[in-house]
Amino acid sequence: MRIFSTFLATLAFVTPTLAQDHSMHGGAPATTLPAICLENAAAPAHDMSAMAAAAGDEAHQALAAGMDAMHAEMAAGMTATDIDVAFVCGMIPHHQGAIDMARAELQYGKDEWVRGMAQKVIEAQEQEIADMLKWLGDRGK
């Protein structure tokens, strides 16, 4: 409960900064998304480091790092003009964020059921990312 309360307090602090442009050195977004996903992208960023700092440990910092990358790439990918492309481009980093969080669970978590679920998340999300990248590639762009 304490972590959840800390997260809510941090979210209230961080939320006003989410709309700001945090362009990276020259304004280009750091991304692994295909070019088709970035045709209209600015360089938005979400900084979850405040949440990690509030939690104060390495495990939470690992979760937050994955969320930071996910939010920035989701926002960039969803600017694609074609709605189908925008959906897929937003989902790729969303799935990668789930993988990153699951890897943090495998590294730091102790509960065997949760660790098993994390492994299933990794396997399923990696396959879905591969499927989405193939679909984007098949579009010929």
Protein backbone atom coordinates (compact mmCIF):
# COMPACT_ATOMS: atom_id res chain seq x y z
CA MET A 1 0.00 0.00 0.00
CA ARG A 2 2.87 2.36 0.79
CA ILE A 3 4.34 1.90 -2.70
CA PHE A 4 0.96 2.56 -4.31
CA SER A 5 0.48 5.72 -2.21
CA THR A 6 3.97 6.86 -3.12
CA PHE A 7 3.24 6.20 -6.78
CA LEU A 8 0.04 8.26 -6.65
CA ALA A 9 1.80 11.13 -4.92
CA THR A 10 4.59 10.98 -7.47
CA LEU A 11 2.13 10.83 -10.36
CA ALA A 12 0.45 13.99 -9.10
CA PHE A 13 3.87 15.66 -9.06
CA VAL A 14 5.04 14.33 -12.43
CA THR A 15 1.79 14.66 -14.44
CA PRO A 16 2.06 18.42 -15.11
CA THR A 17 5.48 17.89 -16.69
CA LEU A 18 4.30 15.18 -19.08
CA ALA A 19 2.99 17.66 -21.64
CA GLN A 20 6.32 19.45 -21.87
CA ASP A 21 8.69 18.85 -24.76
CA HIS A 22 11.80 17.12 -23.47
CA SER A 23 13.58 16.88 -26.82
CA MET A 24 16.77 14.91 -26.81
CA HIS A 25 19.87 16.66 -28.17
CA GLY A 26 18.65 18.27 -31.35
CA GLY A 27 15.02 17.22 -31.01
CA ALA A 28 15.20 13.74 -32.53
CA PRO A 29 13.42 11.09 -30.48
CA ALA A 30 15.54 8.18 -29.34
CA THR A 31 13.64 5.19 -30.67
CA THR A 32 13.87 1.70 -32.06
CA LEU A 33 10.63 2.04 -34.00
CA PRO A 34 10.60 1.70 -37.81
CA ALA A 35 10.55 4.98 -39.79
CA ILE A 36 6.90 4.45 -40.77
CA CYS A 37 6.02 4.92 -37.12
CA LEU A 38 7.75 8.26 -36.82
CA GLU A 39 6.43 10.22 -39.78
CA ASN A 40 4.75 12.82 -37.55
CA ALA A 41 6.62 12.27 -34.29
CA ALA A 42 7.95 14.97 -32.05
CA ALA A 43 10.16 14.02 -29.13
CA PRO A 44 7.83 13.50 -26.16
CA ALA A 45 9.19 11.99 -23.00
CA HIS A 46 7.78 10.80 -19.71
CA ASP A 47 10.08 10.69 -16.75
CA MET A 48 9.20 7.99 -14.26
CA SER A 49 12.49 8.51 -12.44
CA ALA A 50 10.63 10.46 -9.72
CA MET A 51 8.57 7.34 -8.99
CA ALA A 52 11.72 5.24 -8.78
CA ALA A 53 13.43 7.78 -6.56
CA ALA A 54 10.43 7.78 -4.23
CA ALA A 55 10.53 3.98 -3.98
CA GLY A 56 14.27 4.24 -3.45
CA ASP A 57 15.48 0.84 -4.59
CA GLU A 58 17.13 -0.69 -7.63
CA ALA A 59 14.17 -2.96 -8.47
CA HIS A 60 11.74 -0.06 -8.76
CA GLN A 61 14.28 1.92 -10.74
CA ALA A 62 14.42 -0.96 -13.23
CA LEU A 63 10.63 -0.91 -13.59
CA ALA A 64 10.63 2.87 -14.06
CA ALA A 65 13.37 2.78 -16.69
CA GLY A 66 11.29 0.44 -18.83
CA MET A 67 8.26 2.68 -18.43
CA ASP A 68 10.21 5.80 -19.45
CA ALA A 69 11.30 4.23 -22.73
CA MET A 70 7.83 2.79 -23.35
CA HIS A 71 5.96 6.08 -22.91
CA ALA A 72 8.25 8.09 -25.16
CA GLU A 73 8.13 5.55 -27.98
CA MET A 74 4.38 4.94 -27.66
CA ALA A 75 3.71 8.67 -28.02
CA ALA A 76 6.01 8.90 -31.04
CA GLY A 77 4.61 5.80 -32.74
CA MET A 78 0.98 6.79 -32.35
CA THR A 79 1.54 9.92 -34.48
CA ALA A 80 1.67 7.90 -37.71
CA THR A 81 -0.97 9.24 -40.13
CA ASP A 82 -2.56 5.85 -40.91
CA ILE A 83 -4.61 4.77 -37.87
CA ASP A 84 -3.73 1.10 -38.34
CA VAL A 85 -0.03 1.93 -38.47
CA ALA A 86 -0.39 4.28 -35.48
CA PHE A 87 -2.03 1.51 -33.44
CA VAL A 88 0.66 -1.02 -34.27
CA CYS A 89 3.44 1.52 -33.74
CA GLY A 90 2.04 2.40 -30.32
CA MET A 91 1.63 -1.24 -29.34
CA ILE A 92 5.22 -2.25 -30.14
CA PRO A 93 6.76 -0.12 -27.37
CA HIS A 94 3.83 -0.96 -25.09
CA HIS A 95 4.69 -4.64 -25.46
CA GLN A 96 8.41 -3.90 -25.09
CA GLY A 97 7.61 -2.07 -21.86
CA ALA A 98 5.87 -5.20 -20.59
CA ILE A 99 8.95 -7.23 -21.51
CA ASP A 100 11.25 -4.80 -19.72
CA MET A 101 9.08 -4.87 -16.60
CA ALA A 102 8.93 -8.68 -16.73
CA ARG A 103 12.72 -8.84 -16.97
CA ALA A 104 12.98 -6.61 -13.90
CA GLU A 105 10.64 -9.02 -12.10
CA LEU A 106 12.83 -11.97 -13.10
CA GLN A 107 15.90 -10.13 -11.85
CA TYR A 108 14.49 -8.90 -8.54
CA GLY A 109 11.27 -10.78 -7.81
CA LYS A 110 11.03 -13.69 -5.43
CA ASP A 111 7.52 -15.12 -5.83
CA GLU A 112 7.64 -18.13 -8.15
CA TRP A 113 4.13 -17.61 -9.54
CA VAL A 114 4.86 -13.99 -10.45
CA ARG A 115 8.22 -14.96 -11.94
CA GLY A 116 6.46 -17.61 -14.05
CA MET A 117 3.93 -15.03 -15.21
CA ALA A 118 6.78 -12.66 -16.10
CA GLN A 119 8.36 -15.36 -18.26
CA LYS A 120 5.04 -15.96 -20.04
CA VAL A 121 4.71 -12.21 -20.65
CA ILE A 122 8.17 -12.11 -22.23
CA GLU A 123 7.46 -15.03 -24.54
CA ALA A 124 4.04 -13.78 -25.64
CA GLN A 125 5.05 -10.15 -26.09
CA GLU A 126 8.21 -10.98 -28.04
CA GLN A 127 6.14 -13.01 -30.51
CA GLU A 128 3.55 -10.25 -30.85
CA ILE A 129 6.27 -7.65 -31.46
CA ALA A 130 7.72 -9.86 -34.18
CA ASP A 131 4.25 -10.19 -35.74
CA MET A 132 3.69 -6.41 -35.66
CA LEU A 133 7.11 -5.64 -37.13
CA LYS A 134 6.41 -8.15 -39.92
CA TRP A 135 3.05 -6.49 -40.61
CA LEU A 136 4.73 -3.09 -40.81
CA GLY A 137 7.42 -4.51 -43.11
CA ASP A 138 4.80 -6.11 -45.35
CA ARG A 139 3.24 -2.67 -45.88
CA GLY A 140 6.28 -1.90 -48.04
CA LYS A 141 7.27 1.28 -46.30
